[in-house]
Structure formats: structure tokens, C-alpha cells
Full PDB file with SEQRES, HELIX, SHEET, SSBOND, CRYST1, ORIGX, SCALE, CONECT and MASTER records, all heavy atoms in Angstrom:
SEQRES   1 A   41  THR ALA ALA GLN LEU THR ALA GLU ALA GLU HIS LEU ALA          
SEQRES   2 A   41  THR MET PHE ARG GLY PRO TYR VAL PRO ILE CYS GLN PRO          
SEQRES   3 A   41  ASN SER ALA LEU TRP LEU ALA THR PHE LEU ALA ILE GLN          
SEQRES   4 A   41  LYS ILE                                                      
HELIX    1 AA1 ALA A    2  ALA A   13  1                                  12    
HELIX    2 AA2 ALA A   29  LYS A   40  1                                  12    
CRYST1    1.000    1.000    1.000  90.00  90.00  90.00 P 1           1          
ORIGX1      1.000000  0.000000  0.000000        0.00000                         
ORIGX2      0.000000  1.000000  0.000000        0.00000                         
ORIGX3      0.000000  0.000000  1.000000        0.00000                         
SCALE1      1.000000  0.000000  0.000000        0.00000                         
SCALE2      0.000000  1.000000  0.000000        0.00000                         
SCALE3      0.000000  0.000000  1.000000        0.00000                         
ATOM      1  N   THR A   1     100.288  88.622  85.937  1.00  0.00           N  
ATOM      2  CA  THR A   1     100.516  87.831  87.137  1.00  0.00           C  
ATOM      3  C   THR A   1     100.947  88.762  88.270  1.00  0.00           C  
ATOM      4  O   THR A   1     101.278  89.940  88.047  1.00  0.00           O  
ATOM      5  CB  THR A   1     101.609  86.787  86.913  1.00  0.00           C  
ATOM      6  OG1 THR A   1     102.856  87.473  86.683  1.00  0.00           O  
ATOM      7  CG2 THR A   1     101.278  85.877  85.739  1.00  0.00           C  
ATOM      8  N   ALA A   2     100.963  88.226  89.484  1.00  0.00           N  
ATOM      9  CA  ALA A   2     101.413  89.019  90.626  1.00  0.00           C  
ATOM     10  C   ALA A   2     102.846  89.496  90.418  1.00  0.00           C  
ATOM     11  O   ALA A   2     103.194  90.641  90.745  1.00  0.00           O  
ATOM     12  CB  ALA A   2     101.299  88.196  91.906  1.00  0.00           C  
ATOM     13  N   ALA A   3     103.683  88.630  89.843  1.00  0.00           N  
ATOM     14  CA  ALA A   3     105.075  89.002  89.598  1.00  0.00           C  
ATOM     15  C   ALA A   3     105.170  90.128  88.574  1.00  0.00           C  
ATOM     16  O   ALA A   3     105.966  91.058  88.725  1.00  0.00           O  
ATOM     17  CB  ALA A   3     105.867  87.786  89.121  1.00  0.00           C  
ATOM     18  N   GLN A   4     104.368  90.066  87.524  1.00  0.00           N  
ATOM     19  CA  GLN A   4     104.388  91.105  86.493  1.00  0.00           C  
ATOM     20  C   GLN A   4     103.860  92.431  87.024  1.00  0.00           C  
ATOM     21  O   GLN A   4     104.393  93.499  86.697  1.00  0.00           O  
ATOM     22  CB  GLN A   4     103.572  90.650  85.288  1.00  0.00           C  
ATOM     23  CG  GLN A   4     104.216  89.518  84.495  1.00  0.00           C  
ATOM     24  CD  GLN A   4     103.291  88.922  83.461  1.00  0.00           C  
ATOM     25  OE1 GLN A   4     102.068  88.895  83.638  1.00  0.00           O  
ATOM     26  NE2 GLN A   4     103.873  88.426  82.366  1.00  0.00           N  
ATOM     27  N   LEU A   5     102.818  92.381  87.850  1.00  0.00           N  
ATOM     28  CA  LEU A   5     102.272  93.603  88.428  1.00  0.00           C  
ATOM     29  C   LEU A   5     103.296  94.256  89.359  1.00  0.00           C  
ATOM     30  O   LEU A   5     103.462  95.478  89.362  1.00  0.00           O  
ATOM     31  CB  LEU A   5     100.983  93.289  89.192  1.00  0.00           C  
ATOM     32  CG  LEU A   5     100.050  94.471  89.469  1.00  0.00           C  
ATOM     33  CD1 LEU A   5      99.534  95.075  88.174  1.00  0.00           C  
ATOM     34  CD2 LEU A   5      98.881  94.031  90.349  1.00  0.00           C  
ATOM     35  N   THR A   6     104.008  93.431  90.115  1.00  0.00           N  
ATOM     36  CA  THR A   6     105.060  93.939  90.996  1.00  0.00           C  
ATOM     37  C   THR A   6     106.183  94.594  90.198  1.00  0.00           C  
ATOM     38  O   THR A   6     106.660  95.680  90.534  1.00  0.00           O  
ATOM     39  CB  THR A   6     105.633  92.800  91.856  1.00  0.00           C  
ATOM     40  OG1 THR A   6     104.590  92.252  92.672  1.00  0.00           O  
ATOM     41  CG2 THR A   6     106.739  93.309  92.767  1.00  0.00           C  
ATOM     42  N   ALA A   7     106.606  93.936  89.121  1.00  0.00           N  
ATOM     43  CA  ALA A   7     107.687  94.474  88.287  1.00  0.00           C  
ATOM     44  C   ALA A   7     107.284  95.812  87.678  1.00  0.00           C  
ATOM     45  O   ALA A   7     108.090  96.751  87.616  1.00  0.00           O  
ATOM     46  CB  ALA A   7     108.049  93.475  87.197  1.00  0.00           C  
ATOM     47  N   GLU A   8     106.043  95.920  87.219  1.00  0.00           N  
ATOM     48  CA  GLU A   8     105.576  97.176  86.632  1.00  0.00           C  
ATOM     49  C   GLU A   8     105.526  98.272  87.704  1.00  0.00           C  
ATOM     50  O   GLU A   8     105.899  99.430  87.440  1.00  0.00           O  
ATOM     51  CB  GLU A   8     104.188  96.985  86.017  1.00  0.00           C  
ATOM     52  CG  GLU A   8     103.614  98.221  85.343  1.00  0.00           C  
ATOM     53  CD  GLU A   8     104.393  98.650  84.104  1.00  0.00           C  
ATOM     54  OE1 GLU A   8     105.187  97.836  83.581  1.00  0.00           O  
ATOM     55  OE2 GLU A   8     104.206  99.802  83.653  1.00  0.00           O  
ATOM     56  N   ALA A   9     105.096  97.926  88.905  1.00  0.00           N  
ATOM     57  CA  ALA A   9     105.062  98.895  89.998  1.00  0.00           C  
ATOM     58  C   ALA A   9     106.464  99.379  90.348  1.00  0.00           C  
ATOM     59  O   ALA A   9     106.687 100.575  90.586  1.00  0.00           O  
ATOM     60  CB  ALA A   9     104.383  98.279  91.224  1.00  0.00           C  
ATOM     61  N   GLU A  10     107.413  98.469  90.378  1.00  0.00           N  
ATOM     62  CA  GLU A  10     108.797  98.853  90.697  1.00  0.00           C  
ATOM     63  C   GLU A  10     109.365  99.775  89.622  1.00  0.00           C  
ATOM     64  O   GLU A  10     110.116 100.707  89.925  1.00  0.00           O  
ATOM     65  CB  GLU A  10     109.652  97.597  90.852  1.00  0.00           C  
ATOM     66  CG  GLU A  10     109.301  96.807  92.121  1.00  0.00           C  
ATOM     67  CD  GLU A  10     110.028  95.486  92.206  1.00  0.00           C  
ATOM     68  OE1 GLU A  10     110.402  94.942  91.128  1.00  0.00           O  
ATOM     69  OE2 GLU A  10     110.203  94.983  93.331  1.00  0.00           O  
ATOM     70  N   HIS A  11     108.999  99.531  88.370  1.00  0.00           N  
ATOM     71  CA  HIS A  11     109.442 100.415  87.283  1.00  0.00           C  
ATOM     72  C   HIS A  11     108.815 101.798  87.417  1.00  0.00           C  
ATOM     73  O   HIS A  11     109.508 102.824  87.321  1.00  0.00           O  
ATOM     74  CB  HIS A  11     109.062  99.785  85.940  1.00  0.00           C  
ATOM     75  CG  HIS A  11     109.226 100.713  84.775  1.00  0.00           C  
ATOM     76  ND1 HIS A  11     110.460 101.164  84.330  1.00  0.00           N  
ATOM     77  CD2 HIS A  11     108.302 101.300  83.961  1.00  0.00           C  
ATOM     78  CE1 HIS A  11     110.287 101.974  83.304  1.00  0.00           C  
ATOM     79  NE2 HIS A  11     108.995 102.079  83.065  1.00  0.00           N  
ATOM     80  N   LEU A  12     107.523 101.853  87.670  1.00  0.00           N  
ATOM     81  CA  LEU A  12     106.831 103.140  87.789  1.00  0.00           C  
ATOM     82  C   LEU A  12     107.312 103.930  89.000  1.00  0.00           C  
ATOM     83  O   LEU A  12     107.334 105.168  88.971  1.00  0.00           O  
ATOM     84  CB  LEU A  12     105.320 102.905  87.895  1.00  0.00           C  
ATOM     85  CG  LEU A  12     104.619 102.382  86.640  1.00  0.00           C  
ATOM     86  CD1 LEU A  12     103.185 101.980  86.962  1.00  0.00           C  
ATOM     87  CD2 LEU A  12     104.646 103.421  85.537  1.00  0.00           C  
ATOM     88  N   ALA A  13     107.711 103.233  90.033  1.00  0.00           N  
ATOM     89  CA  ALA A  13     108.135 103.904  91.271  1.00  0.00           C  
ATOM     90  C   ALA A  13     109.330 104.820  91.046  1.00  0.00           C  
ATOM     91  O   ALA A  13     109.518 105.798  91.775  1.00  0.00           O  
ATOM     92  CB  ALA A  13     108.460 102.869  92.343  1.00  0.00           C  
ATOM     93  N   THR A  14     110.119 104.539  90.021  1.00  0.00           N  
ATOM     94  CA  THR A  14     111.288 105.382  89.746  1.00  0.00           C  
ATOM     95  C   THR A  14     110.898 106.716  89.121  1.00  0.00           C  
ATOM     96  O   THR A  14     111.726 107.622  89.026  1.00  0.00           O  
ATOM     97  CB  THR A  14     112.258 104.659  88.794  1.00  0.00           C  
ATOM     98  OG1 THR A  14     111.621 104.462  87.512  1.00  0.00           O  
ATOM     99  CG2 THR A  14     112.665 103.306  89.357  1.00  0.00           C  
ATOM    100  N   MET A  15     109.648 106.857  88.717  1.00  0.00           N  
ATOM    101  CA  MET A  15     109.209 108.053  87.999  1.00  0.00           C  
ATOM    102  C   MET A  15     108.466 109.054  88.888  1.00  0.00           C  
ATOM    103  O   MET A  15     108.192 110.171  88.447  1.00  0.00           O  
ATOM    104  CB  MET A  15     108.279 107.653  86.843  1.00  0.00           C  
ATOM    105  CG  MET A  15     108.875 106.654  85.877  1.00  0.00           C  
ATOM    106  SD  MET A  15     107.682 106.205  84.588  1.00  0.00           S  
ATOM    107  CE  MET A  15     108.606 104.930  83.713  1.00  0.00           C  
ATOM    108  N   PHE A  16     108.119 108.645  90.101  1.00  0.00           N  
ATOM    109  CA  PHE A  16     107.271 109.484  90.937  1.00  0.00           C  
ATOM    110  C   PHE A  16     108.064 110.240  91.990  1.00  0.00           C  
ATOM    111  O   PHE A  16     109.041 109.719  92.542  1.00  0.00           O  
ATOM    112  CB  PHE A  16     106.183 108.642  91.621  1.00  0.00           C  
ATOM    113  CG  PHE A  16     105.253 107.956  90.669  1.00  0.00           C  
ATOM    114  CD1 PHE A  16     104.766 106.688  90.937  1.00  0.00           C  
ATOM    115  CD2 PHE A  16     104.872 108.575  89.494  1.00  0.00           C  
ATOM    116  CE1 PHE A  16     103.902 106.050  90.061  1.00  0.00           C  
ATOM    117  CE2 PHE A  16     104.001 107.940  88.598  1.00  0.00           C  
ATOM    118  CZ  PHE A  16     103.522 106.674  88.887  1.00  0.00           C  
ATOM    119  N   ARG A  17     107.609 111.442  92.269  1.00  0.00           N  
ATOM    120  CA  ARG A  17     108.212 112.277  93.304  1.00  0.00           C  
ATOM    121  C   ARG A  17     107.107 113.015  94.063  1.00  0.00           C  
ATOM    122  O   ARG A  17     105.996 113.158  93.567  1.00  0.00           O  
ATOM    123  CB  ARG A  17     109.160 113.324  92.687  1.00  0.00           C  
ATOM    124  CG  ARG A  17     110.350 112.761  91.929  1.00  0.00           C  
ATOM    125  CD  ARG A  17     111.368 112.122  92.871  1.00  0.00           C  
ATOM    126  NE  ARG A  17     112.543 111.667  92.142  1.00  0.00           N  
ATOM    127  CZ  ARG A  17     112.637 110.490  91.551  1.00  0.00           C  
ATOM    128  NH1 ARG A  17     111.603 109.660  91.588  1.00  0.00           N  
ATOM    129  NH2 ARG A  17     113.730 110.128  90.910  1.00  0.00           N  
ATOM    130  N   GLY A  18     107.449 113.504  95.242  1.00  0.00           N  
ATOM    131  CA  GLY A  18     106.520 114.355  95.979  1.00  0.00           C  
ATOM    132  C   GLY A  18     105.692 113.592  96.985  1.00  0.00           C  
ATOM    133  O   GLY A  18     105.570 112.358  96.905  1.00  0.00           O  
ATOM    134  N   PRO A  19     105.119 114.314  97.912  1.00  0.00           N  
ATOM    135  CA  PRO A  19     104.333 113.660  98.958  1.00  0.00           C  
ATOM    136  C   PRO A  19     103.003 113.115  98.453  1.00  0.00           C  
ATOM    137  O   PRO A  19     102.476 112.159  98.997  1.00  0.00           O  
ATOM    138  CB  PRO A  19     104.108 114.778  99.972  1.00  0.00           C  
ATOM    139  CG  PRO A  19     104.175 116.039  99.165  1.00  0.00           C  
ATOM    140  CD  PRO A  19     105.202 115.770  98.106  1.00  0.00           C  
ATOM    141  N   TYR A  20     102.455 113.762  97.397  1.00  0.00           N  
ATOM    142  CA  TYR A  20     101.177 113.323  96.841  1.00  0.00           C  
ATOM    143  C   TYR A  20     101.356 113.018  95.356  1.00  0.00           C  
ATOM    144  O   TYR A  20     101.936 113.810  94.616  1.00  0.00           O  
ATOM    145  CB  TYR A  20     100.112 114.409  96.992  1.00  0.00           C  
ATOM    146  CG  TYR A  20      99.846 114.814  98.427  1.00  0.00           C  
ATOM    147  CD1 TYR A  20     100.258 116.058  98.893  1.00  0.00           C  
ATOM    148  CD2 TYR A  20      99.179 113.960  99.298  1.00  0.00           C  
ATOM    149  CE1 TYR A  20     100.018 116.443 100.204  1.00  0.00           C  
ATOM    150  CE2 TYR A  20      98.936 114.339 100.610  1.00  0.00           C  
ATOM    151  CZ  TYR A  20      99.361 115.575 101.060  1.00  0.00           C  
ATOM    152  OH  TYR A  20      99.127 115.947 102.352  1.00  0.00           O  
ATOM    153  N   VAL A  21     100.855 111.862  94.931  1.00  0.00           N  
ATOM    154  CA  VAL A  21     100.957 111.474  93.527  1.00  0.00           C  
ATOM    155  C   VAL A  21      99.555 111.171  93.007  1.00  0.00           C  
ATOM    156  O   VAL A  21      98.876 110.276  93.520  1.00  0.00           O  
ATOM    157  CB  VAL A  21     101.851 110.238  93.343  1.00  0.00           C  
ATOM    158  CG1 VAL A  21     101.946 109.862  91.859  1.00  0.00           C  
ATOM    159  CG2 VAL A  21     103.240 110.482  93.919  1.00  0.00           C  
ATOM    160  N   PRO A  22      99.092 111.916  91.996  1.00  0.00           N  
ATOM    161  CA  PRO A  22      97.748 111.677  91.476  1.00  0.00           C  
ATOM    162  C   PRO A  22      97.684 110.427  90.602  1.00  0.00           C  
ATOM    163  O   PRO A  22      98.662 110.059  89.953  1.00  0.00           O  
ATOM    164  CB  PRO A  22      97.460 112.931  90.652  1.00  0.00           C  
ATOM    165  CG  PRO A  22      98.813 113.393  90.204  1.00  0.00           C  
ATOM    166  CD  PRO A  22      99.755 113.055  91.328  1.00  0.00           C  
ATOM    167  N   ILE A  23      96.530 109.790  90.605  1.00  0.00           N  
ATOM    168  CA  ILE A  23      96.235 108.724  89.647  1.00  0.00           C  
ATOM    169  C   ILE A  23      94.990 109.158  88.899  1.00  0.00           C  
ATOM    170  O   ILE A  23      93.905 109.248  89.483  1.00  0.00           O  
ATOM    171  CB  ILE A  23      95.959 107.363  90.326  1.00  0.00           C  
ATOM    172  CG1 ILE A  23      97.051 106.986  91.315  1.00  0.00           C  
ATOM    173  CG2 ILE A  23      95.803 106.274  89.263  1.00  0.00           C  
ATOM    174  CD1 ILE A  23      96.800 105.660  92.022  1.00  0.00           C  
ATOM    175  N   CYS A  24      95.150 109.446  87.630  1.00  0.00           N  
ATOM    176  CA  CYS A  24      94.020 109.894  86.812  1.00  0.00           C  
ATOM    177  C   CYS A  24      93.959 109.010  85.575  1.00  0.00           C  
ATOM    178  O   CYS A  24      94.352 109.402  84.485  1.00  0.00           O  
ATOM    179  CB  CYS A  24      94.182 111.371  86.448  1.00  0.00           C  
ATOM    180  SG  CYS A  24      92.684 112.125  85.809  1.00  0.00           S  
ATOM    181  N   GLN A  25      93.512 107.783  85.782  1.00  0.00           N  
ATOM    182  CA  GLN A  25      93.479 106.769  84.729  1.00  0.00           C  
ATOM    183  C   GLN A  25      92.185 105.980  84.848  1.00  0.00           C  
ATOM    184  O   GLN A  25      91.621 105.854  85.942  1.00  0.00           O  
ATOM    185  CB  GLN A  25      94.655 105.802  84.869  1.00  0.00           C  
ATOM    186  CG  GLN A  25      96.027 106.430  84.869  1.00  0.00           C  
ATOM    187  CD  GLN A  25      97.104 105.444  85.311  1.00  0.00           C  
ATOM    188  OE1 GLN A  25      96.842 104.265  85.471  1.00  0.00           O  
ATOM    189  NE2 GLN A  25      98.300 105.934  85.517  1.00  0.00           N  
ATOM    190  N   PRO A  26      91.726 105.397  83.757  1.00  0.00           N  
ATOM    191  CA  PRO A  26      90.576 104.487  83.841  1.00  0.00           C  
ATOM    192  C   PRO A  26      90.991 103.179  84.510  1.00  0.00           C  
ATOM    193  O   PRO A  26      92.183 102.900  84.695  1.00  0.00           O  
ATOM    194  CB  PRO A  26      90.183 104.270  82.381  1.00  0.00           C  
ATOM    195  CG  PRO A  26      91.448 104.504  81.620  1.00  0.00           C  
ATOM    196  CD  PRO A  26      92.195 105.575  82.371  1.00  0.00           C  
ATOM    197  N   ASN A  27      90.017 102.372  84.866  1.00  0.00           N  
ATOM    198  CA  ASN A  27      90.289 101.069  85.471  1.00  0.00           C  
ATOM    199  C   ASN A  27      91.199 100.239  84.568  1.00  0.00           C  
ATOM    200  O   ASN A  27      90.903 100.056  83.386  1.00  0.00           O  
ATOM    201  CB  ASN A  27      88.985 100.295  85.692  1.00  0.00           C  
ATOM    202  CG  ASN A  27      88.176 100.839  86.858  1.00  0.00           C  
ATOM    203  OD1 ASN A  27      88.564 101.802  87.512  1.00  0.00           O  
ATOM    204  ND2 ASN A  27      87.039 100.214  87.117  1.00  0.00           N  
ATOM    205  N   SER A  28      92.287  99.755  85.127  1.00  0.00           N  
ATOM    206  CA  SER A  28      93.226  98.944  84.352  1.00  0.00           C  
ATOM    207  C   SER A  28      94.265  98.351  85.290  1.00  0.00           C  
ATOM    208  O   SER A  28      94.397  98.770  86.445  1.00  0.00           O  
ATOM    209  CB  SER A  28      93.940  99.799  83.289  1.00  0.00           C  
ATOM    210  OG  SER A  28      94.718 100.803  83.918  1.00  0.00           O  
ATOM    211  N   ALA A  29      95.031  97.399  84.768  1.00  0.00           N  
ATOM    212  CA  ALA A  29      96.159  96.869  85.530  1.00  0.00           C  
ATOM    213  C   ALA A  29      97.175  97.976  85.789  1.00  0.00           C  
ATOM    214  O   ALA A  29      97.835  97.984  86.837  1.00  0.00           O  
ATOM    215  CB  ALA A  29      96.803  95.712  84.778  1.00  0.00           C  
ATOM    216  N   LEU A  30      97.288  98.920  84.846  1.00  0.00           N  
ATOM    217  CA  LEU A  30      98.209 100.036  85.037  1.00  0.00           C  
ATOM    218  C   LEU A  30      97.796 100.891  86.232  1.00  0.00           C  
ATOM    219  O   LEU A  30      98.654 101.371  86.975  1.00  0.00           O  
ATOM    220  CB  LEU A  30      98.279 100.887  83.772  1.00  0.00           C  
ATOM    221  CG  LEU A  30      99.235 102.090  83.816  1.00  0.00           C  
ATOM    222  CD1 LEU A  30     100.668 101.624  84.075  1.00  0.00           C  
ATOM    223  CD2 LEU A  30      99.153 102.886  82.521  1.00  0.00           C  
ATOM    224  N   TRP A  31      96.499 101.095  86.418  1.00  0.00           N  
ATOM    225  CA  TRP A  31      96.031 101.831  87.602  1.00  0.00           C  
ATOM    226  C   TRP A  31      96.526 101.118  88.868  1.00  0.00           C  
ATOM    227  O   TRP A  31      97.054 101.754  89.790  1.00  0.00           O  
ATOM    228  CB  TRP A  31      94.502 101.914  87.612  1.00  0.00           C  
ATOM    229  CG  TRP A  31      93.928 102.877  88.622  1.00  0.00           C  
ATOM    230  CD1 TRP A  31      93.416 104.108  88.363  1.00  0.00           C  
ATOM    231  CD2 TRP A  31      93.833 102.696  90.054  1.00  0.00           C  
ATOM    232  NE1 TRP A  31      93.006 104.714  89.535  1.00  0.00           N  
ATOM    233  CE2 TRP A  31      93.258 103.871  90.584  1.00  0.00           C  
ATOM    234  CE3 TRP A  31      94.190 101.676  90.934  1.00  0.00           C  
ATOM    235  CZ2 TRP A  31      93.012 104.036  91.955  1.00  0.00           C  
ATOM    236  CZ3 TRP A  31      93.968 101.839  92.296  1.00  0.00           C  
ATOM    237  CH2 TRP A  31      93.378 103.008  92.784  1.00  0.00           C  
ATOM    238  N   LEU A  32      96.352  99.812  88.911  1.00  0.00           N  
ATOM    239  CA  LEU A  32      96.756  99.041  90.089  1.00  0.00           C  
ATOM    240  C   LEU A  32      98.265  99.114  90.302  1.00  0.00           C  
ATOM    241  O   LEU A  32      98.737  99.285  91.429  1.00  0.00           O  
ATOM    242  CB  LEU A  32      96.305  97.588  89.940  1.00  0.00           C  
ATOM    243  CG  LEU A  32      94.783  97.371  89.932  1.00  0.00           C  
ATOM    244  CD1 LEU A  32      94.448  95.975  89.421  1.00  0.00           C  
ATOM    245  CD2 LEU A  32      94.199  97.598  91.328  1.00  0.00           C  
ATOM    246  N   ALA A  33      99.030  98.995  89.216  1.00  0.00           N  
ATOM    247  CA  ALA A  33     100.487  99.080  89.321  1.00  0.00           C  
ATOM    248  C   ALA A  33     100.916 100.463  89.795  1.00  0.00           C  
ATOM    249  O   ALA A  33     101.859 100.599  90.593  1.00  0.00           O  
ATOM    250  CB  ALA A  33     101.139  98.748  87.987  1.00  0.00           C  
ATOM    251  N   THR A  34     100.233 101.502  89.329  1.00  0.00           N  
ATOM    252  CA  THR A  34     100.549 102.868  89.747  1.00  0.00           C  
ATOM    253  C   THR A  34     100.273 103.047  91.233  1.00  0.00           C  
ATOM    254  O   THR A  34     101.083 103.642  91.970  1.00  0.00           O  
ATOM    255  CB  THR A  34      99.727 103.879  88.934  1.00  0.00           C  
ATOM    256  OG1 THR A  34     100.021 103.717  87.538  1.00  0.00           O  
ATOM    257  CG2 THR A  34     100.047 105.307  89.345  1.00  0.00           C  
ATOM    258  N   PHE A  35      99.152 102.548  91.695  1.00  0.00           N  
ATOM    259  CA  PHE A  35      98.823 102.636  93.116  1.00  0.00           C  
ATOM    260  C   PHE A  35      99.889 101.936  93.957  1.00  0.00           C  
ATOM    261  O   PHE A  35     100.342 102.458  94.983  1.00  0.00           O  
ATOM    262  CB  PHE A  35      97.448 102.015  93.379  1.00  0.00           C  
ATOM    263  CG  PHE A  35      96.981 102.129  94.807  1.00  0.00           C  
ATOM    264  CD1 PHE A  35      96.375 103.290  95.260  1.00  0.00           C  
ATOM    265  CD2 PHE A  35      97.154 101.074  95.689  1.00  0.00           C  
ATOM    266  CE1 PHE A  35      95.940 103.400  96.580  1.00  0.00           C  
ATOM    267  CE2 PHE A  35      96.727 101.171  97.013  1.00  0.00           C  
ATOM    268  CZ  PHE A  35      96.118 102.337  97.468  1.00  0.00           C  
ATOM    269  N   LEU A  36     100.323 100.758  93.509  1.00  0.00           N  
ATOM    270  CA  LEU A  36     101.357 100.017  94.233  1.00  0.00           C  
ATOM    271  C   LEU A  36     102.687 100.768  94.210  1.00  0.00           C  
ATOM    272  O   LEU A  36     103.415 100.796  95.212  1.00  0.00           O  
ATOM    273  CB  LEU A  36     101.523  98.630  93.624  1.00  0.00           C  
ATOM    274  CG  LEU A  36     100.412  97.626  93.931  1.00  0.00           C  
ATOM    275  CD1 LEU A  36     100.561  96.385  93.060  1.00  0.00           C  
ATOM    276  CD2 LEU A  36     100.398  97.258  95.410  1.00  0.00           C  
ATOM    277  N   ALA A  37     103.014 101.379  93.071  1.00  0.00           N  
ATOM    278  CA  ALA A  37     104.266 102.134  92.963  1.00  0.00           C  
ATOM    279  C   ALA A  37     104.293 103.286  93.963  1.00  0.00           C  
ATOM    280  O   ALA A  37     105.327 103.563  94.593  1.00  0.00           O  
ATOM    281  CB  ALA A  37     104.430 102.663  91.541  1.00  0.00           C  
ATOM    282  N   ILE A  38     103.170 103.954  94.116  1.00  0.00           N  
ATOM    283  CA  ILE A  38     103.078 105.068  95.066  1.00  0.00           C  
ATOM    284  C   ILE A  38     103.274 104.563  96.496  1.00  0.00           C  
ATOM    285  O   ILE A  38     103.933 105.213  97.316  1.00  0.00           O  
ATOM    286  CB  ILE A  38     101.730 105.793  94.901  1.00  0.00           C  
ATOM    287  CG1 ILE A  38     101.636 106.413  93.498  1.00  0.00           C  
ATOM    288  CG2 ILE A  38     101.563 106.872  95.970  1.00  0.00           C  
ATOM    289  CD1 ILE A  38     100.243 106.890  93.128  1.00  0.00           C  
ATOM    290  N   GLN A  39     102.738 103.390  96.777  1.00  0.00           N  
ATOM    291  CA  GLN A  39     102.934 102.808  98.114  1.00  0.00           C  
ATOM    292  C   GLN A  39     104.403 102.432  98.326  1.00  0.00           C  
ATOM    293  O   GLN A  39     104.932 102.550  99.437  1.00  0.00           O  
ATOM    294  CB  GLN A  39     102.036 101.584  98.297  1.00  0.00           C  
ATOM    295  CG  GLN A  39     100.549 101.845  98.079  1.00  0.00           C  
ATOM    296  CD  GLN A  39     100.047 103.055  98.822  1.00  0.00           C  
ATOM    297  OE1 GLN A  39     100.284 103.222 100.024  1.00  0.00           O  
ATOM    298  NE2 GLN A  39      99.349 103.938  98.120  1.00  0.00           N  
ATOM    299  N   LYS A  40     105.044 101.983  97.270  1.00  0.00           N  
ATOM    300  CA  LYS A  40     106.456 101.587  97.391  1.00  0.00           C  
ATOM    301  C   LYS A  40     107.332 102.759  97.802  1.00  0.00           C  
ATOM    302  O   LYS A  40     108.256 102.596  98.617  1.00  0.00           O  
ATOM    303  CB  LYS A  40     106.967 100.987  96.075  1.00  0.00           C  
ATOM    304  CG  LYS A  40     108.448 100.608  96.099  1.00  0.00           C  
ATOM    305  CD  LYS A  40     108.880  99.946  94.813  1.00  0.00           C  
ATOM    306  CE  LYS A  40     110.395  99.770  94.765  1.00  0.00           C  
ATOM    307  NZ  LYS A  40     110.946  99.001  95.894  1.00  0.00           N  
ATOM    308  N   ILE A  41     107.077 103.959  97.256  1.00  0.00           N  
ATOM    309  CA  ILE A  41     107.934 105.112  97.578  1.00  0.00           C  
ATOM    310  C   ILE A  41     107.474 105.842  98.833  1.00  0.00           C  
ATOM    311  O   ILE A  41     108.077 106.841  99.223  1.00  0.00           O  
ATOM    312  CB  ILE A  41     108.011 106.095  96.394  1.00  0.00           C  
ATOM    313  CG1 ILE A  41     106.656 106.762  96.142  1.00  0.00           C  
ATOM    314  CG2 ILE A  41     108.537 105.406  95.140  1.00  0.00           C  
ATOM    315  CD1 ILE A  41     106.702 107.902  95.145  1.00  0.00           C  
TER     316      ILE A  41                                                      
MASTER        0    0    0    2    0    0    0    6  315    1    0    4          
END                                                                             
């Protein structure tokens, strides 16, 4: 759900650092959550 995707993005956002964050994953909800997490930070 939108709420679950948001929660996963907020969790992932605590793990990322730096001006550029790579996403090297196949198509998945995790890819989308990672992209959102990068936008959050």
C-alpha cells in the first residue's frame, strides 16, 4: 500500500549517505521505496 511503501522508504532513508546514491536493483517495490528514500534525504 502507499502507507507501506512510505514506511519502507523512511526506513531505507536512514541507511543512505552522500550526494549521489546508486540504485542497482531489478524492478520491484524495493526499487521504488529506495528511489523515494533518496528523495527524502
